[in-house]
């Protein structure tokens, strides 16, 4: 049953290879389409905002023109209502020169001072919806001389980019065809860009938020595509490793079965026993691989049941070390233990923890250099026990260390298969530690070894 389940998962993972090939073909197309769509949306959004700012500016300019016309009409009625005549002071009488002087037209400067003109302009602006806007003005004579102006007019005239300006001639009401020189009123709204932006603040903020939302969606989508692509590559590597791992025991079984068919081998009991043991060991090895795949499926489906019981961590580690005695004897090796944790009893699932320590010690052996050098230490922390498994093996770089607990992840070694495994052991270790409410941390440096620190609650 276990074997057939494992074969089912093998074929399931094999289907990922076909999906990965399709993903490689469609990924550039999807990325290009999404990029072009985002660029198009951003272009339309920015163009729309620019058009909105221009439209608002034109509307303000139209209101300014209307205000200037209102001021011109009001001032013109009073200015051109009669002629200006200078009378002698009381008691002086009419001199002979009085009758010789010429009558002259009344000017805006004769009728209004700066304060009065400012009041009229303010009223006209407020009437046309420009209340709250600062303004500057000037009155220009028929000879182009400025004889009435606001206090800050010169500062505004030096900047013709950030303000709106309009000029309106003061024409007598009775003139049917306005020709000839007339007095001119210049009306200016300074810093109009800041006013426009302030009036559109909520629209602009909404547009910026929309743009950031689109960019965030683009970033998340692209990151998801890259993550999916990376995951497919990792799973493809898993299939390649799994194929390599299964081919060896299958080939061994095939050779042993062919040998058992030989009459010469069948006639010798020792030979039959020898080849039978080979088949049994190869079958156990293959079953072990299937069990690893089933563990991965168990993690993915979250189908597990914890059977907690009092467990002595020290006894558990000693028991695991005994199972690796043959592997440790194959190479020069040294295993040092320093168990200082007291108490060493915790509530945990013994079977799960055995797999954890087996995986960690197995990795320390597999990734050792010419000599196996392992140290295992335990210390007591407040409410916790800390187990440190350290080796002086080949170590790993920062990238590998950051991804070591990801399912199917293995350090890339090309087509070299000197280290066996599917990249599932450390993800299983992390999963077991997590369900026991513990923590695991890895520290490693290439050429100097790896240090695994596990912290488990005592209570």
Protein backbone atom coordinates (compact mmCIF):
# COMPACT_ATOMS: atom_id res chain seq x y z
CA UNK A 1 0.00 0.00 0.00
CA UNK A 2 2.76 2.41 0.94
CA UNK A 3 4.64 1.58 -2.24
CA UNK A 4 1.61 2.20 -4.47
CA UNK A 5 0.88 5.51 -2.73
CA UNK A 6 4.46 6.55 -3.29
CA UNK A 7 4.26 5.66 -7.00
CA UNK A 8 1.06 7.75 -7.24
CA UNK A 9 2.84 10.79 -5.82
CA UNK A 10 5.79 10.16 -8.11
CA UNK A 11 3.54 10.38 -11.16
CA UNK A 12 1.83 13.45 -9.65
CA UNK A 13 5.13 15.24 -9.29
CA UNK A 14 6.16 14.06 -12.76
CA UNK A 15 3.21 15.97 -14.20
CA UNK A 16 4.85 19.14 -12.88
CA UNK A 17 7.59 18.74 -15.46
CA UNK A 18 5.10 19.11 -18.31
CA UNK A 19 3.53 22.12 -16.62
CA UNK A 20 6.97 23.67 -16.14
CA UNK A 21 7.68 23.41 -19.88
CA UNK A 22 4.40 25.17 -20.68
CA UNK A 23 5.20 27.79 -18.02
CA UNK A 24 8.55 28.55 -19.67
CA UNK A 25 6.83 29.25 -22.97
CA UNK A 26 4.00 31.40 -21.61
CA UNK A 27 5.96 33.31 -18.95
CA UNK A 28 7.66 35.83 -21.32
CA UNK A 29 4.33 36.45 -23.07
CA UNK A 30 2.47 37.03 -19.80
CA UNK A 31 5.23 39.27 -18.45
CA UNK A 32 5.30 41.36 -21.66
CA UNK A 33 1.51 41.76 -21.78
CA UNK A 34 1.31 42.78 -18.13
CA UNK A 35 4.17 45.26 -18.56
CA UNK A 36 2.56 46.87 -21.62
CA UNK A 37 -0.80 47.05 -19.84
CA UNK A 38 0.72 48.78 -16.82
CA UNK A 39 2.61 51.26 -18.99
CA UNK A 40 -0.59 52.02 -20.91
CA UNK A 41 -2.61 52.55 -17.73
CA UNK A 42 0.06 54.82 -16.24
CA UNK A 43 0.31 56.84 -19.47
CA UNK A 44 -3.47 57.34 -19.63
CA UNK A 45 -3.64 58.27 -15.95
CA UNK A 46 -0.81 60.83 -16.17
CA UNK A 47 -2.22 62.29 -19.40
CA UNK A 48 -5.64 62.61 -17.79
CA UNK A 49 -4.16 64.43 -14.79
CA UNK A 50 -2.26 66.82 -17.03
CA UNK A 51 -5.42 67.54 -18.99
CA UNK A 52 -7.38 68.10 -15.78
CA UNK A 53 -4.78 70.58 -14.50
CA UNK A 54 -4.85 72.44 -17.82
CA UNK A 55 -8.66 72.53 -17.85
CA UNK A 56 -8.79 73.88 -14.29
CA UNK A 57 -6.18 76.52 -15.15
CA UNK A 58 -8.20 77.61 -18.20
CA UNK A 59 -11.35 77.86 -16.07
CA UNK A 60 -9.51 80.08 -13.57
CA UNK A 61 -8.22 82.23 -16.41
CA UNK A 62 -11.77 82.67 -17.70
CA UNK A 63 -12.96 83.72 -14.25
CA UNK A 64 -10.07 86.16 -14.04
CA UNK A 65 -11.07 87.67 -17.39
CA UNK A 66 -14.68 88.03 -16.22
CA UNK A 67 -13.52 89.70 -13.01
CA UNK A 68 -11.31 92.13 -14.95
CA UNK A 69 -14.20 93.05 -17.27
CA UNK A 70 -16.41 93.70 -14.24
CA UNK A 71 -13.75 95.96 -12.74
CA UNK A 72 -13.32 97.77 -16.07
CA UNK A 73 -17.05 98.36 -16.42
CA UNK A 74 -17.44 99.70 -12.89
CA UNK A 75 -14.40 101.94 -13.10
CA UNK A 76 -15.30 103.13 -16.62
CA UNK A 77 -18.77 104.34 -15.63
CA UNK A 78 -17.33 106.68 -13.03
CA UNK A 79 -14.26 107.80 -14.93
CA UNK A 80 -16.08 108.73 -18.11
CA UNK A 81 -19.15 110.26 -16.46
CA UNK A 82 -17.75 113.81 -16.94
CA UNK A 83 -14.72 116.06 -17.40
CA UNK A 84 -12.21 116.97 -14.74
CA UNK A 85 -12.17 120.68 -13.88
CA UNK A 86 -9.83 122.29 -11.35
CA UNK A 87 -11.70 125.07 -9.43
CA UNK A 88 -9.97 127.87 -7.44
CA UNK A 89 -9.94 127.74 -3.72
CA UNK A 90 -12.64 129.55 -1.76
CA UNK A 91 -12.05 133.29 -1.45
CA UNK A 92 -9.69 133.57 -4.41
CA UNK A 93 -12.33 134.16 -7.05
CA UNK A 94 -11.98 133.39 -10.71
CA UNK A 95 -8.75 134.54 -12.20
CA UNK A 96 -8.14 135.42 -15.81
CA UNK A 97 -6.03 132.28 -16.27
CA UNK A 98 -8.96 130.10 -15.20
CA UNK A 99 -10.86 130.92 -18.38
CA UNK A 100 -7.78 130.29 -20.51
CA UNK A 101 -7.06 126.67 -19.24
CA UNK A 102 -8.21 123.65 -21.25
CA UNK A 103 -10.56 121.01 -19.98
CA UNK A 104 -8.99 117.50 -19.74
CA UNK A 105 -10.40 113.93 -19.46
CA UNK A 106 -10.63 112.33 -16.08
CA UNK A 107 -8.22 109.39 -15.47
CA UNK A 108 -8.54 106.36 -13.21
CA UNK A 109 -5.77 107.80 -11.03
CA UNK A 110 -7.90 110.92 -10.51
CA UNK A 111 -10.91 108.93 -9.31
CA UNK A 112 -9.39 106.03 -7.33
CA UNK A 113 -6.48 105.44 -5.06
CA UNK A 114 -4.74 102.10 -4.59
CA UNK A 115 -6.92 101.00 -1.67
CA UNK A 116 -10.18 101.75 -3.50
CA UNK A 117 -9.09 99.87 -6.62
CA UNK A 118 -8.01 96.90 -4.49
CA UNK A 119 -11.46 96.81 -2.86
CA UNK A 120 -13.25 96.86 -6.23
CA UNK A 121 -11.04 94.09 -7.60
CA UNK A 122 -11.52 91.97 -4.47
CA UNK A 123 -15.31 92.25 -4.79
CA UNK A 124 -15.21 91.27 -8.48
CA UNK A 125 -12.97 88.25 -7.81
CA UNK A 126 -15.19 87.02 -4.98
CA UNK A 127 -18.26 87.40 -7.18
CA UNK A 128 -16.69 85.17 -9.85
CA UNK A 129 -15.67 82.43 -7.43
CA UNK A 130 -12.07 83.50 -6.86
CA UNK A 131 -12.46 84.29 -3.20
CA UNK A 132 -9.37 83.39 -1.23
CA UNK A 133 -7.03 84.02 -4.17
CA UNK A 134 -4.33 86.67 -3.76
CA UNK A 135 -3.99 89.22 -6.54
CA UNK A 136 -1.83 92.05 -7.79
CA UNK A 137 -2.85 94.83 -10.16
CA UNK A 138 -1.64 97.82 -12.10
CA UNK A 139 -3.27 100.71 -13.98
CA UNK A 140 -1.51 101.79 -17.15
CA UNK A 141 -2.14 105.20 -18.72
CA UNK A 142 -2.76 105.88 -22.39
CA UNK A 143 0.95 106.65 -22.71
CA UNK A 144 1.85 103.24 -21.17
CA UNK A 145 2.86 104.76 -17.85
CA UNK A 146 2.02 102.80 -14.69
CA UNK A 147 0.54 105.23 -12.19
CA UNK A 148 -1.41 102.89 -9.94
CA UNK A 149 -0.13 99.50 -8.82
CA UNK A 150 -0.20 97.09 -5.89
CA UNK A 151 2.74 96.84 -3.53
CA UNK A 152 4.07 93.45 -4.74
CA UNK A 153 3.44 93.89 -8.46
CA UNK A 154 7.11 94.05 -9.40
CA UNK A 155 7.83 90.72 -7.68
CA UNK A 156 5.03 89.01 -9.60
CA UNK A 157 5.97 90.47 -12.99
CA UNK A 158 9.40 88.90 -12.69
CA UNK A 159 7.81 85.43 -12.84
CA UNK A 160 5.54 84.84 -15.82
CA UNK A 161 5.26 81.06 -15.37
CA UNK A 162 3.44 80.50 -12.10
CA UNK A 163 0.79 83.24 -12.40
CA UNK A 164 -2.25 84.12 -14.51
CA UNK A 165 -2.47 87.58 -16.05
CA UNK A 166 -5.16 89.45 -17.94
CA UNK A 167 -5.30 92.98 -19.40
CA UNK A 168 -8.54 94.90 -19.95
CA UNK A 169 -8.87 98.37 -21.47
CA UNK A 170 -11.23 100.85 -19.79
CA UNK A 171 -13.39 102.02 -22.70
CA UNK A 172 -16.03 104.75 -22.45
CA UNK A 173 -19.53 103.24 -22.52
CA UNK A 174 -20.84 105.55 -25.29
CA UNK A 175 -18.15 104.63 -27.82
CA UNK A 176 -19.57 102.30 -30.45
CA UNK A 177 -16.25 101.40 -32.04
CA UNK A 178 -13.48 101.33 -29.43
CA UNK A 179 -10.37 102.57 -31.22
CA UNK A 180 -7.46 104.57 -30.00
CA UNK A 181 -5.44 104.53 -26.81
CA UNK A 182 -7.27 103.77 -23.56
CA UNK A 183 -6.25 103.18 -20.00
CA UNK A 184 -5.54 99.53 -19.15
CA UNK A 185 -6.09 97.52 -16.00
CA UNK A 186 -3.67 94.63 -15.47
CA UNK A 187 -4.92 91.91 -13.11
CA UNK A 188 -2.65 89.07 -11.92
CA UNK A 189 -3.24 85.93 -9.84
CA UNK A 190 0.19 84.85 -8.48
CA UNK A 191 1.25 81.24 -7.64
CA UNK A 192 -1.70 79.85 -9.55
CA UNK A 193 -0.13 76.38 -9.85
CA UNK A 194 -0.26 75.84 -6.10
CA UNK A 195 -3.92 76.91 -6.08
CA UNK A 196 -4.75 74.54 -8.93
CA UNK A 197 -2.98 71.63 -7.26
CA UNK A 198 -4.67 72.37 -3.94
CA UNK A 199 -8.12 72.50 -5.53
CA UNK A 200 -7.44 69.12 -7.17
CA UNK A 201 -5.74 67.59 -4.13
CA UNK A 202 -8.27 64.79 -3.59
CA UNK A 203 -8.34 63.88 -7.28
CA UNK A 204 -4.53 63.85 -7.41
CA UNK A 205 -4.25 61.83 -4.20
CA UNK A 206 -6.80 59.36 -5.55
CA UNK A 207 -4.88 59.06 -8.82
CA UNK A 208 -1.57 58.55 -7.00
CA UNK A 209 -3.20 55.89 -4.83
CA UNK A 210 -4.59 54.22 -7.93
CA UNK A 211 -1.17 54.30 -9.63
CA UNK A 212 0.50 52.79 -6.55
CA UNK A 213 -2.23 50.14 -6.40
CA UNK A 214 -1.61 49.22 -10.02
CA UNK A 215 2.15 49.12 -9.47
CA UNK A 216 1.68 47.00 -6.34
CA UNK A 217 -0.55 44.60 -8.28
CA UNK A 218 2.07 44.46 -11.03
CA UNK A 219 4.83 43.77 -8.51
CA UNK A 220 2.84 41.06 -6.73
CA UNK A 221 1.88 39.43 -10.02
CA UNK A 222 5.43 39.41 -11.35
CA UNK A 223 6.78 38.16 -8.02
CA UNK A 224 4.18 35.39 -8.04
CA UNK A 225 5.19 34.42 -11.56
CA UNK A 226 8.86 34.32 -10.58
CA UNK A 227 8.01 32.36 -7.43
CA UNK A 228 5.97 29.88 -9.44
CA UNK A 229 8.75 29.56 -11.95
CA UNK A 230 11.29 29.03 -9.20
CA UNK A 231 9.03 26.48 -7.53
CA UNK A 232 8.69 24.59 -10.81
CA UNK A 233 12.47 24.57 -11.20
CA UNK A 234 12.88 23.22 -7.68
CA UNK A 235 10.29 20.52 -8.28
CA UNK A 236 11.94 19.65 -11.59
CA UNK A 237 15.22 19.20 -9.73
CA UNK A 238 13.34 17.02 -7.27
CA UNK A 239 12.11 14.79 -10.08
CA UNK A 240 15.62 14.52 -11.47
CA UNK A 241 17.03 13.60 -8.05
CA UNK A 242 14.21 11.17 -7.40
CA UNK A 243 14.74 9.49 -10.77
CA UNK A 244 18.44 9.10 -10.03
CA UNK A 245 17.76 7.76 -6.52
CA UNK A 246 15.20 5.19 -7.71
CA UNK A 247 17.15 4.02 -10.74
CA UNK A 248 19.98 2.66 -8.58
CA UNK A 249 17.93 0.25 -6.39
CA UNK A 250 15.78 -0.76 -9.36
CA UNK A 251 18.88 -1.59 -11.39
CA UNK A 252 20.35 -3.45 -8.41
CA UNK A 253 17.16 -5.52 -8.01
CA UNK A 254 17.07 -6.25 -11.73
CA UNK A 255 20.66 -7.47 -11.76
CA UNK A 256 20.14 -9.58 -8.63
CA UNK A 257 16.97 -11.18 -10.05
CA UNK A 258 18.78 -12.04 -13.29
CA UNK A 259 21.59 -13.60 -11.25
CA UNK A 260 19.12 -15.70 -9.25
CA UNK A 261 17.80 -17.16 -12.51
CA UNK A 262 21.20 -18.67 -13.14
CA UNK A 263 21.29 -22.43 -12.33
CA UNK A 264 24.81 -22.00 -10.96
CA UNK A 265 23.64 -19.42 -8.41
CA UNK A 266 20.55 -21.47 -7.53
CA UNK A 267 22.72 -24.43 -6.73
CA UNK A 268 24.67 -22.46 -4.13
CA UNK A 269 22.81 -21.54 -0.97
CA UNK A 270 25.26 -18.81 -0.04
CA UNK A 271 24.87 -17.15 -3.42
CA UNK A 272 21.09 -17.24 -3.18
CA UNK A 273 21.29 -15.72 0.29
CA UNK A 274 23.74 -13.06 -0.93
CA UNK A 275 21.59 -11.93 -3.83
CA UNK A 276 18.48 -12.16 -1.67
CA UNK A 277 20.07 -9.76 0.82
CA UNK A 278 20.93 -7.39 -2.05
CA UNK A 279 17.31 -7.41 -3.20
CA UNK A 280 16.08 -6.85 0.34
CA UNK A 281 18.46 -3.91 0.94
CA UNK A 282 17.59 -2.33 -2.41
CA UNK A 283 13.89 -2.75 -1.67
CA UNK A 284 14.34 -1.16 1.78
CA UNK A 285 16.19 1.72 0.19
CA UNK A 286 13.44 2.21 -2.36
CA UNK A 287 10.76 2.03 0.35
CA UNK A 288 12.68 4.67 2.28
CA UNK A 289 12.52 6.98 -0.73
CA UNK A 290 8.78 6.36 -1.02
CA UNK A 291 8.37 7.15 2.69
CA UNK A 292 10.11 10.48 2.14
CA UNK A 293 7.67 11.30 -0.65
CA UNK A 294 4.75 10.31 1.57
CA UNK A 295 6.09 12.58 4.30
CA UNK A 296 6.12 15.44 1.81
CA UNK A 297 2.52 14.70 0.88
CA UNK A 298 1.62 14.57 4.56
CA UNK A 299 3.14 18.00 5.11
CA UNK A 300 1.28 19.42 2.11
CA UNK A 301 -2.10 18.03 3.18
CA UNK A 302 -1.44 18.77 6.86
CA UNK A 303 -2.54 15.26 7.75
CA UNK A 304 -0.77 14.54 10.99
CA UNK A 305 -1.50 13.53 14.53
CA UNK A 306 0.78 14.41 17.43
CA UNK A 307 1.03 11.84 20.20
CA UNK A 308 2.84 13.71 22.92
CA UNK A 309 4.43 11.86 25.79
CA UNK A 310 7.34 12.45 28.18
CA UNK A 311 10.56 12.10 26.19
CA UNK A 312 14.16 12.33 27.38
CA UNK A 313 15.98 14.35 24.72
CA UNK A 314 19.39 13.00 25.75
CA UNK A 315 18.31 9.37 25.47
CA UNK A 316 16.64 10.14 22.15
CA UNK A 317 19.83 11.64 20.68
CA UNK A 318 21.97 8.74 21.94
CA UNK A 319 19.53 6.31 20.31
CA UNK A 320 19.71 8.15 16.97
CA UNK A 321 23.52 8.24 17.11
CA UNK A 322 23.58 4.43 17.50
CA UNK A 323 21.74 4.03 14.18
CA UNK A 324 24.55 5.90 12.39
CA UNK A 325 27.36 3.80 13.87
CA UNK A 326 28.14 2.01 10.60
CA UNK A 327 28.24 5.28 8.63
CA UNK A 328 30.48 6.88 11.22
CA UNK A 329 32.85 3.90 11.07
CA UNK A 330 33.30 4.25 7.29
CA UNK A 331 35.36 7.46 7.66
CA UNK A 332 37.56 8.99 10.35
CA UNK A 333 35.00 10.48 12.69
CA UNK A 334 34.55 12.22 16.00
CA UNK A 335 31.22 12.84 17.74
CA UNK A 336 31.36 14.92 20.90
CA UNK A 337 28.36 15.30 23.18
CA UNK A 338 27.98 17.81 25.98
CA UNK A 339 24.56 17.44 27.58
CA UNK A 340 24.10 20.12 30.24
CA UNK A 341 20.34 20.56 29.98
CA UNK A 342 18.53 19.79 33.24
CA UNK A 343 15.75 18.77 33.07
CA UNK A 344 16.01 16.99 29.73
CA UNK A 345 12.44 15.66 29.72
CA UNK A 346 9.94 17.32 27.38
CA UNK A 347 6.41 16.61 26.15
CA UNK A 348 6.78 15.63 22.51
CA UNK A 349 6.05 13.04 19.84
CA UNK A 350 9.02 10.69 20.05
CA UNK A 351 8.69 9.38 16.49
CA UNK A 352 8.68 12.86 14.99
CA UNK A 353 11.72 13.96 17.02
CA UNK A 354 13.63 10.83 16.00
CA UNK A 355 13.13 11.83 12.37
CA UNK A 356 14.30 15.38 13.17
CA UNK A 357 17.56 14.33 14.81
CA UNK A 358 18.11 11.63 12.19
CA UNK A 359 17.83 14.19 9.41
CA UNK A 360 20.18 16.65 11.10
CA UNK A 361 22.84 14.06 11.99
CA UNK A 362 22.53 12.46 8.54
CA UNK A 363 23.16 15.86 6.91
CA UNK A 364 26.16 16.46 9.17
CA UNK A 365 27.60 13.15 7.98
CA UNK A 366 26.72 13.55 4.28
CA UNK A 367 28.07 17.09 4.02
CA UNK A 368 31.24 16.38 6.00
CA UNK A 369 34.71 16.81 4.55
CA UNK A 370 37.33 14.04 4.61
CA UNK A 371 36.78 13.70 8.35
CA UNK A 372 33.44 13.64 10.15
CA UNK A 373 33.52 16.04 13.09
CA UNK A 374 30.22 16.57 14.91
CA UNK A 375 29.39 18.11 18.27
CA UNK A 376 26.00 17.96 19.98
CA UNK A 377 25.31 20.22 22.97
CA UNK A 378 22.24 20.86 25.10
CA UNK A 379 21.60 23.66 27.58
CA UNK A 380 18.63 24.71 29.69
CA UNK A 381 16.89 28.03 29.05
CA UNK A 382 13.94 29.50 30.96
CA UNK A 383 11.08 27.15 30.11
CA UNK A 384 13.02 25.71 27.15
CA UNK A 385 15.73 23.29 26.15
CA UNK A 386 18.23 24.18 23.45
CA UNK A 387 19.91 21.54 21.27
CA UNK A 388 22.87 22.56 19.10
CA UNK A 389 24.16 20.20 16.39
CA UNK A 390 27.34 21.52 14.80
CA UNK A 391 29.64 20.06 12.17
CA UNK A 392 32.85 21.11 10.46
CA UNK A 393 31.80 20.06 7.00
CA UNK A 394 31.61 21.84 3.66
CA UNK A 395 29.07 24.41 4.92
CA UNK A 396 26.82 26.47 2.64
CA UNK A 397 26.49 30.00 1.37
CA UNK A 398 23.97 32.59 2.59
CA UNK A 399 21.54 31.97 -0.29
CA UNK A 400 21.34 28.26 0.45
CA UNK A 401 21.01 28.90 4.20
CA UNK A 402 18.08 31.26 3.58
CA UNK A 403 16.23 28.66 1.49
CA UNK A 404 17.21 25.47 3.28
CA UNK A 405 13.82 24.99 4.94
CA UNK A 406 11.90 25.31 1.66
CA UNK A 407 10.36 22.15 0.28
CA UNK A 408 12.35 20.49 -2.55
CA UNK A 409 15.18 23.01 -2.23
CA UNK A 410 18.72 21.76 -2.63
CA UNK A 411 21.99 23.55 -3.29
CA UNK A 412 22.71 23.41 -7.01
CA UNK A 413 25.55 21.03 -7.85
CA UNK A 414 24.84 20.55 -11.56
CA UNK A 415 24.69 16.91 -12.56
CA UNK A 416 26.79 15.74 -9.62
CA UNK A 417 24.85 13.32 -7.39
CA UNK A 418 27.45 12.60 -4.75
CA UNK A 419 24.97 13.65 -2.05
CA UNK A 420 21.70 11.74 -1.94
CA UNK A 421 18.34 13.26 -1.13
CA UNK A 422 15.25 14.99 -2.44
CA UNK A 423 15.48 18.34 -0.66
CA UNK A 424 12.62 17.40 1.69
CA UNK A 425 14.46 16.59 4.91
CA UNK A 426 14.94 20.13 6.24
CA UNK A 427 11.41 21.21 5.35
CA UNK A 428 10.19 18.21 7.34
CA UNK A 429 12.46 19.17 10.26
CA UNK A 430 11.09 22.73 10.25
CA UNK A 431 7.53 21.41 10.10
CA UNK A 432 8.05 19.10 13.11
CA UNK A 433 9.71 21.84 15.16
CA UNK A 434 6.85 24.23 14.33
CA UNK A 435 4.10 21.83 15.38
CA UNK A 436 5.95 21.36 18.67
CA UNK A 437 5.95 25.17 19.19
CA UNK A 438 9.73 25.30 18.90
CA UNK A 439 12.27 27.23 16.85
CA UNK A 440 15.14 26.25 14.60
CA UNK A 441 17.97 28.45 13.34
CA UNK A 442 20.80 27.73 10.91
CA UNK A 443 24.25 29.30 10.83
CA UNK A 444 26.70 28.23 8.17
CA UNK A 445 29.81 29.31 6.31
CA UNK A 446 31.31 27.73 3.23
CA UNK A 447 34.29 25.59 4.13
CA UNK A 448 33.81 25.95 7.87
CA UNK A 449 30.70 23.96 8.66
CA UNK A 450 27.08 24.34 9.76
CA UNK A 451 25.44 24.95 13.11
CA UNK A 452 21.80 23.99 13.76
CA UNK A 453 20.14 25.39 16.88
CA UNK A 454 16.83 23.92 18.02
CA UNK A 455 14.77 25.32 20.90
CA UNK A 456 11.87 23.31 22.30
CA UNK A 457 9.52 24.11 25.19
CA UNK A 458 10.04 22.01 28.30
CA UNK A 459 6.51 22.31 29.66
